[in-house]
């Protein structure tokens, strides 16, 4: 027999010390699901394959969904998440039993144009006198669509609004308009 050789044995990872989140590409789009991978790690950065629990998810915007992962399998959870608020520098945080981890920083941009939002217009306005209007192009989650630089048509109930078309810049138009016909509850 040979001497000086030990028998074969296994070395397993200890308890969870932290979580690693795989790199998230930037930008992501508000309201569109994207995949993330989370790995439970011990203090020596080994995967804790015995971890089969769940973890809480949060992000800077407070709009991540789901907020709880499914069960980990062999220390790993892969799944889709959605964030509905646009932001530069979002970070996802994962926590479970007092242990945590964070993702890299990534941007979330507005989704497709869904509607236009008007800043409050004071009332009353005077027929024939110019007044200021702010209009914002927004996605379905009310994020400003900064990529929107198109020309749009403006109309109102009186049919006397001028100008009748305006060009947005970075998802917003600010300017003066005039309505020459007196009327209540103009839209």
Protein backbone atom coordinates (compact mmCIF):
# COMPACT_ATOMS: atom_id res chain seq x y z
CA UNK A 1 0.00 0.00 0.00
CA UNK A 2 1.01 3.56 -0.58
CA UNK A 3 1.60 5.77 2.40
CA UNK A 4 1.16 9.50 2.83
CA UNK A 5 -2.06 9.79 0.83
CA UNK A 6 -5.31 10.76 2.48
CA UNK A 7 -8.65 9.32 1.65
CA UNK A 8 -11.01 11.28 -0.61
CA UNK A 9 -13.44 13.61 1.12
CA UNK A 10 -15.86 16.42 0.29
CA UNK A 11 -15.55 20.07 1.31
CA UNK A 12 -18.91 21.80 1.38
CA UNK A 13 -19.72 25.48 1.61
CA UNK A 14 -20.90 26.83 4.93
CA UNK A 15 -23.92 29.04 5.55
CA UNK A 16 -24.99 31.98 3.39
CA UNK A 17 -22.85 35.08 3.93
CA UNK A 18 -24.04 37.18 0.96
CA UNK A 19 -25.74 37.06 -2.43
CA UNK A 20 -24.23 37.78 -5.85
CA UNK A 21 -26.40 39.10 -8.67
CA UNK A 22 -25.19 38.51 -12.22
CA UNK A 23 -24.36 41.62 -14.27
CA UNK A 24 -27.45 43.46 -15.51
CA UNK A 25 -27.11 45.15 -18.89
CA UNK A 26 -28.01 48.81 -19.28
CA UNK A 27 -30.41 50.20 -20.20
CA UNK A 28 -33.49 48.20 -19.32
CA UNK A 29 -36.95 49.43 -20.39
CA UNK A 30 -39.62 50.39 -17.85
CA UNK A 31 -42.36 47.78 -17.74
CA UNK A 32 -40.43 45.15 -19.72
CA UNK A 33 -39.33 41.98 -17.91
CA UNK A 34 -35.64 41.09 -17.83
CA UNK A 35 -33.80 38.08 -16.45
CA UNK A 36 -31.55 38.10 -13.39
CA UNK A 37 -29.54 35.37 -11.69
CA UNK A 38 -28.89 35.42 -7.94
CA UNK A 39 -26.39 33.09 -6.24
CA UNK A 40 -26.19 32.41 -2.49
CA UNK A 41 -22.52 32.59 -1.42
CA UNK A 42 -20.57 31.75 1.72
CA UNK A 43 -17.83 33.93 3.26
CA UNK A 44 -15.26 32.34 0.91
CA UNK A 45 -17.42 33.12 -2.15
CA UNK A 46 -18.44 29.50 -2.69
CA UNK A 47 -21.98 28.78 -3.85
CA UNK A 48 -24.10 27.54 -0.93
CA UNK A 49 -25.80 24.69 -2.80
CA UNK A 50 -27.86 23.77 0.26
CA UNK A 51 -29.72 27.12 0.18
CA UNK A 52 -33.25 26.52 -1.12
CA UNK A 53 -35.06 29.43 0.55
CA UNK A 54 -36.47 32.59 -0.97
CA UNK A 55 -35.18 36.16 -0.86
CA UNK A 56 -36.68 39.65 -0.88
CA UNK A 57 -36.03 41.93 -3.84
CA UNK A 58 -36.02 45.73 -3.82
CA UNK A 59 -34.63 48.49 -6.00
CA UNK A 60 -33.95 52.21 -5.79
CA UNK A 61 -37.28 53.09 -7.49
CA UNK A 62 -39.41 50.88 -5.24
CA UNK A 63 -41.22 49.47 -8.29
CA UNK A 64 -39.53 46.09 -8.80
CA UNK A 65 -41.81 43.10 -9.27
CA UNK A 66 -41.79 40.47 -7.93
CA UNK A 67 -40.58 41.53 -4.50
CA UNK A 68 -39.92 37.93 -3.40
CA UNK A 69 -38.01 35.35 -5.41
CA UNK A 70 -39.16 31.83 -5.89
CA UNK A 71 -37.25 29.06 -4.10
CA UNK A 72 -33.55 28.82 -4.88
CA UNK A 73 -32.33 25.57 -6.43
CA UNK A 74 -28.82 24.46 -5.42
CA UNK A 75 -28.14 28.00 -4.18
CA UNK A 76 -29.24 29.72 -7.39
CA UNK A 77 -32.40 31.61 -8.43
CA UNK A 78 -33.01 32.67 -12.01
CA UNK A 79 -36.08 34.66 -12.89
CA UNK A 80 -37.60 37.68 -14.58
CA UNK A 81 -38.18 41.01 -12.87
CA UNK A 82 -39.89 44.20 -14.00
CA UNK A 83 -39.18 47.80 -12.96
CA UNK A 84 -41.73 50.44 -13.94
CA UNK A 85 -39.99 53.72 -13.10
CA UNK A 86 -37.25 55.18 -15.28
CA UNK A 87 -34.04 56.13 -13.48
CA UNK A 88 -30.32 56.51 -14.02
CA UNK A 89 -28.33 54.31 -11.67
CA UNK A 90 -30.87 51.78 -10.41
CA UNK A 91 -29.58 49.01 -8.14
CA UNK A 92 -31.37 45.80 -7.14
CA UNK A 93 -30.89 44.57 -3.56
CA UNK A 94 -31.53 40.99 -2.48
CA UNK A 95 -31.94 40.06 1.21
CA UNK A 96 -32.72 36.88 3.13
CA UNK A 97 -32.26 36.11 6.83
CA UNK A 98 -30.18 39.23 7.38
CA UNK A 99 -27.82 38.54 4.47
CA UNK A 100 -27.81 40.70 1.35
CA UNK A 101 -26.23 41.55 -1.97
CA UNK A 102 -26.58 44.24 -4.60
CA UNK A 103 -26.48 44.37 -8.37
CA UNK A 104 -24.37 46.59 -10.55
CA UNK A 105 -25.79 50.02 -11.34
CA UNK A 106 -27.94 50.16 -14.48
CA UNK A 107 -30.34 52.58 -16.16
CA UNK A 108 -34.06 52.10 -16.73
CA UNK A 109 -35.50 54.11 -19.63
CA UNK A 110 -39.12 54.97 -20.40
CA UNK A 111 -41.14 52.57 -22.49
CA UNK A 112 -43.10 53.34 -25.66
CA UNK A 113 -45.12 56.55 -25.91
CA UNK A 114 -48.52 55.99 -24.30
CA UNK A 115 -49.96 59.46 -23.64
CA UNK A 116 -49.32 63.18 -23.14
CA UNK A 117 -49.57 64.82 -19.72
CA UNK A 118 -50.35 68.50 -19.23
CA UNK A 119 -49.08 70.49 -16.27
CA UNK A 120 -51.97 72.18 -14.45
CA UNK A 121 -53.26 75.20 -16.35
CA UNK A 122 -54.57 77.94 -14.08
CA UNK A 123 -58.14 79.09 -14.57
CA UNK A 124 -59.48 81.39 -15.81
CA UNK A 125 -57.50 82.36 -18.89
CA UNK A 126 -58.44 85.39 -21.00
CA UNK A 127 -59.61 84.95 -24.61
CA UNK A 128 -56.89 86.22 -26.95
CA UNK A 129 -54.19 86.39 -24.24
CA UNK A 130 -51.26 83.96 -24.46
CA UNK A 131 -50.70 81.59 -21.56
CA UNK A 132 -48.00 79.04 -20.79
CA UNK A 133 -48.47 75.30 -21.28
CA UNK A 134 -46.16 72.39 -20.43
CA UNK A 135 -46.82 69.05 -22.14
CA UNK A 136 -44.85 65.89 -21.39
CA UNK A 137 -44.71 62.73 -23.53
CA UNK A 138 -45.05 59.73 -21.19
CA UNK A 139 -45.06 55.95 -21.25
CA UNK A 140 -47.75 53.77 -19.66
CA UNK A 141 -46.09 54.22 -16.25
CA UNK A 142 -45.97 58.05 -16.45
CA UNK A 143 -42.22 58.16 -17.15
CA UNK A 144 -41.10 61.03 -19.37
CA UNK A 145 -40.18 59.63 -22.77
CA UNK A 146 -37.00 61.66 -23.28
CA UNK A 147 -36.43 60.06 -26.70
CA UNK A 148 -39.59 61.77 -28.03
CA UNK A 149 -38.67 64.70 -30.32
CA UNK A 150 -41.62 64.67 -32.71
CA UNK A 151 -44.09 67.31 -33.87
CA UNK A 152 -47.65 66.88 -32.61
CA UNK A 153 -50.98 68.55 -33.41
CA UNK A 154 -52.76 70.55 -30.72
CA UNK A 155 -56.53 71.04 -30.65
CA UNK A 156 -59.08 72.31 -28.16
CA UNK A 157 -62.89 72.36 -27.79
CA UNK A 158 -63.20 75.90 -29.19
CA UNK A 159 -61.29 75.22 -32.39
CA UNK A 160 -59.37 78.51 -31.93
CA UNK A 161 -56.13 77.25 -30.30
CA UNK A 162 -52.85 78.51 -31.73
CA UNK A 163 -50.30 77.25 -32.43
CA UNK A 164 -51.87 74.09 -33.79
CA UNK A 165 -48.63 72.08 -33.90
CA UNK A 166 -45.55 72.01 -31.68
CA UNK A 167 -42.25 70.11 -31.65
CA UNK A 168 -41.14 68.31 -28.53
CA UNK A 169 -37.57 68.25 -27.26
CA UNK A 170 -36.44 65.43 -24.97
CA UNK A 171 -40.04 64.41 -24.32
CA UNK A 172 -41.40 67.83 -23.39
CA UNK A 173 -42.79 71.01 -24.92
CA UNK A 174 -43.10 74.28 -23.05
CA UNK A 175 -44.56 77.33 -24.73
CA UNK A 176 -47.37 79.81 -25.01
CA UNK A 177 -50.74 79.16 -26.59
CA UNK A 178 -53.72 81.39 -27.28
CA UNK A 179 -57.45 80.61 -27.40
CA UNK A 180 -59.61 83.37 -28.89
CA UNK A 181 -63.12 82.07 -28.10
CA UNK A 182 -64.50 82.39 -24.55
CA UNK A 183 -65.88 79.10 -23.20
CA UNK A 184 -66.19 77.21 -19.90
CA UNK A 185 -64.35 73.94 -19.26
CA UNK A 186 -62.11 74.02 -22.32
CA UNK A 187 -60.18 70.85 -23.12
